[in-house]
C-alpha atoms as a PDB file:
ATOM      1  CA  MET A   1     192.159-132.372  -3.275  1.00  0.00           C
ATOM      2  CA  SER A   2     188.811-130.557  -3.499  1.00  0.00           C
ATOM      3  CA  LYS A   3     186.547-129.878  -0.559  1.00  0.00           C
ATOM      4  CA  ASN A   4     183.883-132.119  -2.125  1.00  0.00           C
ATOM      5  CA  SER A   5     186.230-135.109  -2.423  1.00  0.00           C
ATOM      6  CA  ILE A   6     187.205-134.739   1.236  1.00  0.00           C
ATOM      7  CA  PHE A   7     183.503-134.766   2.153  1.00  0.00           C
ATOM      8  CA  VAL A   8     182.929-137.938   0.137  1.00  0.00           C
ATOM      9  CA  ARG A   9     185.779-139.728   1.909  1.00  0.00           C
ATOM     10  CA  ILE A  10     184.457-138.734   5.330  1.00  0.00           C
ATOM     11  CA  LYS A  11     180.938-139.757   4.354  1.00  0.00           C
ATOM     12  CA  GLN A  12     182.090-143.176   3.186  1.00  0.00           C
ATOM     13  CA  ARG A  13     183.912-143.772   6.452  1.00  0.00           C
ATOM     14  CA  THR A  14     180.978-142.871   8.710  1.00  0.00           C
ATOM     15  CA  MET A  15     180.668-145.552  11.384  1.00  0.00           C
ATOM     16  CA  LYS A  16     177.401-147.452  11.228  1.00  0.00           C
ATOM     17  CA  ARG A  17     175.012-146.931  14.116  1.00  0.00           C
ATOM     18  CA  LEU A  18     172.183-149.077  12.732  1.00  0.00           C
ATOM     19  CA  VAL A  19     172.081-152.486  11.054  1.00  0.00           C
ATOM     20  CA  ILE A  20     168.857-153.423   9.258  1.00  0.00           C
ATOM     21  CA  PHE A  21     168.325-157.120   8.545  1.00  0.00           C
ATOM     22  CA  ASP A  22     166.062-158.848   6.094  1.00  0.00           C
ATOM     23  CA  LEU A  23     164.432-161.883   7.754  1.00  0.00           C
ATOM     24  CA  ASP A  24     163.852-164.842   5.413  1.00  0.00           C
ATOM     25  CA  GLY A  25     167.102-166.054   3.886  1.00  0.00           C
ATOM     26  CA  THR A  26     169.180-163.635   5.962  1.00  0.00           C
ATOM     27  CA  LEU A  27     168.463-164.200   9.655  1.00  0.00           C
ATOM     28  CA  LEU A  28     166.355-167.346   9.316  1.00  0.00           C
ATOM     29  CA  HIS A  29     166.235-170.331   6.991  1.00  0.00           C
ATOM     30  CA  THR A  30     162.449-170.497   6.594  1.00  0.00           C
ATOM     31  CA  ILE A  31     161.956-172.314   3.296  1.00  0.00           C
ATOM     32  CA  ALA A  32     160.780-175.629   4.783  1.00  0.00           C
ATOM     33  CA  ASP A  33     157.912-174.042   6.695  1.00  0.00           C
ATOM     34  CA  LEU A  34     156.982-171.709   3.822  1.00  0.00           C
ATOM     35  CA  ALA A  35     156.937-174.631   1.405  1.00  0.00           C
ATOM     36  CA  GLN A  36     154.861-176.777   3.748  1.00  0.00           C
ATOM     37  CA  SER A  37     152.171-174.115   4.210  1.00  0.00           C
ATOM     38  CA  THR A  38     152.081-173.118   0.550  1.00  0.00           C
ATOM     39  CA  ASN A  39     151.736-176.732  -0.506  1.00  0.00           C
ATOM     40  CA  TYR A  40     148.971-177.158   2.073  1.00  0.00           C
ATOM     41  CA  ALA A  41     147.091-174.233   0.552  1.00  0.00           C
ATOM     42  CA  LEU A  42     147.609-175.561  -2.971  1.00  0.00           C
ATOM     43  CA  ALA A  43     146.327-178.990  -1.992  1.00  0.00           C
ATOM     44  CA  GLN A  44     143.296-177.502  -0.233  1.00  0.00           C
ATOM     45  CA  LEU A  45     142.341-175.768  -3.459  1.00  0.00           C
ATOM     46  CA  GLY A  46     143.063-178.805  -5.633  1.00  0.00           C
ATOM     47  CA  TYR A  47     146.236-177.522  -7.284  1.00  0.00           C
ATOM     48  CA  PRO A  48     149.510-179.444  -7.748  1.00  0.00           C
ATOM     49  CA  THR A  49     152.206-178.852  -5.131  1.00  0.00           C
ATOM     50  CA  HIS A  50     155.923-178.117  -5.546  1.00  0.00           C
ATOM     51  CA  PRO A  51     159.107-179.702  -4.178  1.00  0.00           C
ATOM     52  CA  GLN A  52     160.756-177.698  -1.417  1.00  0.00           C
ATOM     53  CA  GLU A  53     163.760-176.870  -3.604  1.00  0.00           C
ATOM     54  CA  ALA A  54     161.493-174.878  -5.955  1.00  0.00           C
ATOM     55  CA  TYR A  55     160.535-172.350  -3.294  1.00  0.00           C
ATOM     56  CA  PRO A  56     163.698-170.226  -2.878  1.00  0.00           C
ATOM     57  CA  LEU A  57     162.975-168.558  -6.226  1.00  0.00           C
ATOM     58  CA  MET A  58     159.329-167.922  -5.299  1.00  0.00           C
ATOM     59  CA  VAL A  59     159.922-165.973  -2.096  1.00  0.00           C
ATOM     60  CA  GLY A  60     161.234-162.477  -1.461  1.00  0.00           C
ATOM     61  CA  ASN A  61     158.431-160.232  -2.683  1.00  0.00           C
ATOM     62  CA  GLY A  62     155.822-160.861  -0.008  1.00  0.00           C
ATOM     63  CA  ILE A  63     153.042-163.378   0.512  1.00  0.00           C
ATOM     64  CA  HIS A  64     150.938-162.245  -2.466  1.00  0.00           C
ATOM     65  CA  LYS A  65     153.763-162.908  -4.909  1.00  0.00           C
ATOM     66  CA  LEU A  66     154.684-166.209  -3.252  1.00  0.00           C
ATOM     67  CA  LEU A  67     151.158-167.536  -3.579  1.00  0.00           C
ATOM     68  CA  GLU A  68     150.789-166.171  -7.103  1.00  0.00           C
ATOM     69  CA  ARG A  69     154.015-167.845  -8.218  1.00  0.00           C
ATOM     70  CA  ALA A  70     152.992-171.135  -6.617  1.00  0.00           C
ATOM     71  CA  LEU A  71     149.745-171.294  -8.578  1.00  0.00           C
ATOM     72  CA  PRO A  72     149.667-172.831 -12.066  1.00  0.00           C
ATOM     73  CA  ALA A  73     150.409-170.157 -14.669  1.00  0.00           C
ATOM     74  CA  ASN A  74     146.837-170.201 -16.020  1.00  0.00           C
ATOM     75  CA  GLU A  75     145.313-169.884 -12.519  1.00  0.00           C
ATOM     76  CA  ARG A  76     147.142-166.772 -11.272  1.00  0.00           C
ATOM     77  CA  THR A  77     144.166-164.522 -10.655  1.00  0.00           C
ATOM     78  CA  ASP A  78     143.629-162.156  -7.728  1.00  0.00           C
ATOM     79  CA  GLU A  79     140.664-164.265  -6.630  1.00  0.00           C
ATOM     80  CA  ASN A  80     142.762-167.441  -6.515  1.00  0.00           C
ATOM     81  CA  VAL A  81     145.524-165.654  -4.608  1.00  0.00           C
ATOM     82  CA  ARG A  82     142.934-164.521  -2.046  1.00  0.00           C
ATOM     83  CA  ARG A  83     141.671-168.098  -1.735  1.00  0.00           C
ATOM     84  CA  MET A  84     145.224-169.323  -1.313  1.00  0.00           C
ATOM     85  CA  ARG A  85     145.897-166.739   1.381  1.00  0.00           C
ATOM     86  CA  LYS A  86     142.842-167.823   3.381  1.00  0.00           C
ATOM     87  CA  ALA A  87     144.268-171.348   3.514  1.00  0.00           C
ATOM     88  CA  PHE A  88     147.938-170.388   3.867  1.00  0.00           C
ATOM     89  CA  VAL A  89     147.899-167.856   6.712  1.00  0.00           C
ATOM     90  CA  PRO A  90     146.128-169.937   9.421  1.00  0.00           C
ATOM     91  CA  HIS A  91     148.340-172.926   8.602  1.00  0.00           C
ATOM     92  CA  TYR A  92     151.562-170.912   8.547  1.00  0.00           C
ATOM     93  CA  ASP A  93     150.681-169.096  11.761  1.00  0.00           C
ATOM     94  CA  VAL A  94     150.568-172.456  13.551  1.00  0.00           C
ATOM     95  CA  HIS A  95     153.482-174.198  11.824  1.00  0.00           C
ATOM     96  CA  ASN A  96     156.003-171.419  11.022  1.00  0.00           C
ATOM     97  CA  THR A  97     158.482-172.360  13.742  1.00  0.00           C
ATOM     98  CA  GLU A  98     158.541-176.114  13.169  1.00  0.00           C
ATOM     99  CA  ARG A  99     161.509-176.350  10.804  1.00  0.00           C
ATOM    100  CA  SER A 100     162.807-172.802  10.452  1.00  0.00           C
ATOM    101  CA  THR A 101     166.161-172.058  12.066  1.00  0.00           C
ATOM    102  CA  PRO A 102     168.677-169.214  12.396  1.00  0.00           C
ATOM    103  CA  TYR A 103     171.634-169.390  10.046  1.00  0.00           C
ATOM    104  CA  PRO A 104     175.028-170.283  11.575  1.00  0.00           C
ATOM    105  CA  GLY A 105     176.557-167.444  13.578  1.00  0.00           C
ATOM    106  CA  ILE A 106     173.497-165.181  13.432  1.00  0.00           C
ATOM    107  CA  ARG A 107     172.675-165.279  17.145  1.00  0.00           C
ATOM    108  CA  GLU A 108     176.302-164.566  18.006  1.00  0.00           C
ATOM    109  CA  LEU A 109     176.437-161.708  15.481  1.00  0.00           C
ATOM    110  CA  LEU A 110     173.291-160.070  16.844  1.00  0.00           C
ATOM    111  CA  SER A 111     174.520-160.376  20.437  1.00  0.00           C
ATOM    112  CA  GLU A 112     177.881-158.823  19.587  1.00  0.00           C
ATOM    113  CA  LEU A 113     176.358-155.960  17.613  1.00  0.00           C
ATOM    114  CA  HIS A 114     174.065-155.206  20.537  1.00  0.00           C
ATOM    115  CA  ARG A 115     176.983-155.410  22.970  1.00  0.00           C
ATOM    116  CA  GLN A 116     178.801-152.833  20.882  1.00  0.00           C
ATOM    117  CA  GLY A 117     175.845-150.465  21.042  1.00  0.00           C
ATOM    118  CA  ILE A 118     174.706-150.886  17.443  1.00  0.00           C
ATOM    119  CA  ARG A 119     170.985-150.406  16.874  1.00  0.00           C
ATOM    120  CA  LEU A 120     169.241-153.375  15.248  1.00  0.00           C
ATOM    121  CA  ALA A 121     166.119-153.556  13.091  1.00  0.00           C
ATOM    122  CA  VAL A 122     164.274-155.991  10.822  1.00  0.00           C
ATOM    123  CA  ALA A 123     162.733-155.090   7.448  1.00  0.00           C
ATOM    124  CA  SER A 124     160.829-157.982   5.894  1.00  0.00           C
ATOM    125  CA  ASN A 125     158.318-158.595   3.133  1.00  0.00           C
ATOM    126  CA  LYS A 126     156.722-161.293   5.315  1.00  0.00           C
ATOM    127  CA  TYR A 127     153.411-160.147   6.765  1.00  0.00           C
ATOM    128  CA  GLN A 128     153.748-158.237  10.045  1.00  0.00           C
ATOM    129  CA  GLU A 129     152.281-160.769  12.462  1.00  0.00           C
ATOM    130  CA  ALA A 130     154.505-163.604  11.278  1.00  0.00           C
ATOM    131  CA  THR A 131     157.576-161.354  11.189  1.00  0.00           C
ATOM    132  CA  GLU A 132     157.081-160.328  14.821  1.00  0.00           C
ATOM    133  CA  LYS A 133     156.377-163.894  15.925  1.00  0.00           C
ATOM    134  CA  LEU A 134     159.505-165.337  14.300  1.00  0.00           C
ATOM    135  CA  VAL A 135     161.798-162.597  15.589  1.00  0.00           C
ATOM    136  CA  ASN A 136     160.436-162.935  19.127  1.00  0.00           C
ATOM    137  CA  HIS A 137     160.613-166.729  18.980  1.00  0.00           C
ATOM    138  CA  TYR A 138     164.151-167.113  17.667  1.00  0.00           C
ATOM    139  CA  PHE A 139     165.814-163.995  19.107  1.00  0.00           C
ATOM    140  CA  PRO A 140     164.069-163.270  22.432  1.00  0.00           C
ATOM    141  CA  ALA A 141     167.213-161.838  24.023  1.00  0.00           C
ATOM    142  CA  ILE A 142     167.910-159.325  21.249  1.00  0.00           C
ATOM    143  CA  PRO A 143     166.324-155.881  21.808  1.00  0.00           C
ATOM    144  CA  PHE A 144     165.539-154.869  18.233  1.00  0.00           C
ATOM    145  CA  GLN A 145     164.691-151.185  17.947  1.00  0.00           C
ATOM    146  CA  ILE A 146     161.899-151.921  15.478  1.00  0.00           C
ATOM    147  CA  VAL A 147     160.629-154.994  13.599  1.00  0.00           C
ATOM    148  CA  LEU A 148     158.662-154.312  10.430  1.00  0.00           C
ATOM    149  CA  GLY A 149     156.996-156.707   8.041  1.00  0.00           C
ATOM    150  CA  GLN A 150     154.592-156.152   5.190  1.00  0.00           C
ATOM    151  CA  ARG A 151     151.576-154.111   6.288  1.00  0.00           C
ATOM    152  CA  GLU A 152     148.346-153.021   4.649  1.00  0.00           C
ATOM    153  CA  GLY A 153     148.751-149.787   2.748  1.00  0.00           C
ATOM    154  CA  VAL A 154     152.564-149.826   2.848  1.00  0.00           C
ATOM    155  CA  PRO A 155     154.411-150.818  -0.349  1.00  0.00           C
ATOM    156  CA  ALA A 156     156.633-153.873  -0.156  1.00  0.00           C
ATOM    157  CA  LYS A 157     160.373-153.866  -0.730  1.00  0.00           C
ATOM    158  CA  PRO A 158     162.138-152.805  -2.911  1.00  0.00           C
ATOM    159  CA  ASP A 159     160.139-149.661  -2.224  1.00  0.00           C
ATOM    160  CA  PRO A 160     162.208-147.739   0.356  1.00  0.00           C
ATOM    161  CA  ALA A 161     159.237-146.874   2.626  1.00  0.00           C
ATOM    162  CA  ILE A 162     160.080-149.578   5.181  1.00  0.00           C
ATOM    163  CA  VAL A 163     163.691-148.409   5.477  1.00  0.00           C
ATOM    164  CA  TYR A 164     162.646-144.766   5.733  1.00  0.00           C
ATOM    165  CA  LYS A 165     160.346-145.649   8.640  1.00  0.00           C
ATOM    166  CA  ILE A 166     163.170-147.496  10.415  1.00  0.00           C
ATOM    167  CA  LEU A 167     165.564-144.593   9.901  1.00  0.00           C
ATOM    168  CA  LYS A 168     163.011-142.154  11.289  1.00  0.00           C
ATOM    169  CA  HIS A 169     162.165-144.372  14.258  1.00  0.00           C
ATOM    170  CA  THR A 170     165.820-144.839  15.196  1.00  0.00           C
ATOM    171  CA  GLN A 171     166.811-141.245  14.354  1.00  0.00           C
ATOM    172  CA  THR A 172     169.539-142.522  12.065  1.00  0.00           C
ATOM    173  CA  THR A 173     170.815-141.062   8.792  1.00  0.00           C
ATOM    174  CA  PRO A 174     171.158-143.246   5.675  1.00  0.00           C
ATOM    175  CA  GLU A 175     174.952-142.868   5.884  1.00  0.00           C
ATOM    176  CA  GLU A 176     174.893-144.442   9.345  1.00  0.00           C
ATOM    177  CA  ALA A 177     172.865-147.495   8.295  1.00  0.00           C
ATOM    178  CA  LEU A 178     173.926-150.888   6.939  1.00  0.00           C
ATOM    179  CA  TYR A 179     171.312-153.058   5.232  1.00  0.00           C
ATOM    180  CA  ILE A 180     171.847-156.845   5.165  1.00  0.00           C
ATOM    181  CA  GLY A 181     169.945-159.088   2.756  1.00  0.00           C
ATOM    182  CA  ASP A 182     170.092-162.180   0.580  1.00  0.00           C
ATOM    183  CA  SER A 183     168.275-161.140  -2.584  1.00  0.00           C
ATOM    184  CA  GLY A 184     168.155-158.676  -5.418  1.00  0.00           C
ATOM    185  CA  VAL A 185     165.034-157.222  -3.795  1.00  0.00           C
ATOM    186  CA  ASP A 186     167.118-156.414  -0.722  1.00  0.00           C
ATOM    187  CA  MET A 187     169.957-154.872  -2.692  1.00  0.00           C
ATOM    188  CA  GLN A 188     167.488-152.757  -4.644  1.00  0.00           C
ATOM    189  CA  THR A 189     165.833-151.692  -1.380  1.00  0.00           C
ATOM    190  CA  ALA A 190     169.160-150.499  -0.016  1.00  0.00           C
ATOM    191  CA  LEU A 191     169.920-148.666  -3.251  1.00  0.00           C
ATOM    192  CA  ASN A 192     166.498-147.013  -3.308  1.00  0.00           C
ATOM    193  CA  SER A 193     166.817-145.818   0.294  1.00  0.00           C
ATOM    194  CA  GLY A 194     170.415-144.614   0.084  1.00  0.00           C
ATOM    195  CA  VAL A 195     171.835-146.921   2.766  1.00  0.00           C
ATOM    196  CA  THR A 196     174.916-149.147   2.530  1.00  0.00           C
ATOM    197  CA  ALA A 197     174.093-152.568   1.069  1.00  0.00           C
ATOM    198  CA  CYS A 198     175.586-155.895   2.126  1.00  0.00           C
ATOM    199  CA  GLY A 199     174.629-159.089   0.344  1.00  0.00           C
ATOM    200  CA  VAL A 200     174.879-162.476   2.067  1.00  0.00           C
ATOM    201  CA  THR A 201     175.595-165.647   0.115  1.00  0.00           C
ATOM    202  CA  TRP A 202     173.952-168.148   2.478  1.00  0.00           C
ATOM    203  CA  GLY A 203     170.363-167.232   1.617  1.00  0.00           C
ATOM    204  CA  PHE A 204     167.785-168.147  -0.988  1.00  0.00           C
ATOM    205  CA  ARG A 205     169.128-166.366  -4.071  1.00  0.00           C
ATOM    206  CA  PRO A 206     172.255-166.957  -6.165  1.00  0.00           C
ATOM    207  CA  ARG A 207     175.294-164.743  -5.619  1.00  0.00           C
ATOM    208  CA  ALA A 208     175.080-163.471  -9.192  1.00  0.00           C
ATOM    209  CA  GLU A 209     171.660-161.959  -8.513  1.00  0.00           C
ATOM    210  CA  LEU A 210     173.018-159.905  -5.617  1.00  0.00           C
ATOM    211  CA  GLU A 211     176.165-158.893  -7.472  1.00  0.00           C
ATOM    212  CA  SER A 212     174.117-157.574 -10.381  1.00  0.00           C
ATOM    213  CA  PHE A 213     173.041-154.710  -8.094  1.00  0.00           C
ATOM    214  CA  HIS A 214     176.646-153.891  -7.133  1.00  0.00           C
ATOM    215  CA  PRO A 215     176.252-153.905  -3.336  1.00  0.00           C
ATOM    216  CA  HIS A 216     178.932-152.204  -1.255  1.00  0.00           C
ATOM    217  CA  HIS A 217     179.803-155.520   0.438  1.00  0.00           C
ATOM    218  CA  MET A 218     179.335-159.267  -0.015  1.00  0.00           C
ATOM    219  CA  VAL A 219     179.884-161.739   2.827  1.00  0.00           C
ATOM    220  CA  GLU A 220     179.883-165.512   3.123  1.00  0.00           C
ATOM    221  CA  ARG A 221     179.750-165.823   6.916  1.00  0.00           C
ATOM    222  CA  ALA A 222     177.837-163.911   9.579  1.00  0.00           C
ATOM    223  CA  ALA A 223     181.033-162.927  11.428  1.00  0.00           C
ATOM    224  CA  GLU A 224     182.240-161.026   8.355  1.00  0.00           C
ATOM    225  CA  ILE A 225     179.528-158.426   8.977  1.00  0.00           C
ATOM    226  CA  LEU A 226     181.080-157.166  12.223  1.00  0.00           C
ATOM    227  CA  PRO A 227     184.010-155.258  10.672  1.00  0.00           C
ATOM    228  CA  LEU A 228     181.685-153.541   8.196  1.00  0.00           C
ATOM    229  CA  ILE A 229     180.192-151.246  10.822  1.00  0.00           C
ATOM    230  CA  ARG A 230     183.494-149.334  10.949  1.00  0.00           C
ATOM    231  CA  LEU A 231     184.083-149.006   7.211  1.00  0.00           C
END
């Protein structure tokens, strides 16, 4: 066996010291509140609204893309997206914890990871203020190392910038990090940043979308994530 192959085996078996979570569709089921606020903005501007079940395929790429996708195809201009945002953000800021909820087993998973000394972080394409509010509201007892949403001047996922900032802040190498997400955007983010990818099947996107990016792991329940930190 060559020296290089031995190195690869050791590298693959590095214990994870950091778990990075996507927010919407991974930690929290947020579609009802996102749909309500987007439909409010559409109605304010005189556009037709959408049923809640249409929204899982609109989210994942940040607020700009959500609002753009919600608009009628012939109305998707930057000006209309800006108008939508002015109506959406104040409404969502008030109502974003009304019907959102953690997925089954998530609170228990986070508590156990923390108990085991694993560093925790959030990397979301939701705008920063809402990301911080939701994490603090639903997981007040969990000491996340860093919580990052979409910020002005920073490219959204799948650009790896958000993961690089988390790795730097936590002084963690890519080999020591596990990224958990529910969409192709998340799997691409993990691939782009060189961290281990784990897709979850309980979120907003179909399993086939995640599998098309060939993540290292796929799980169907939150508890299945625990053993992955030692693989």
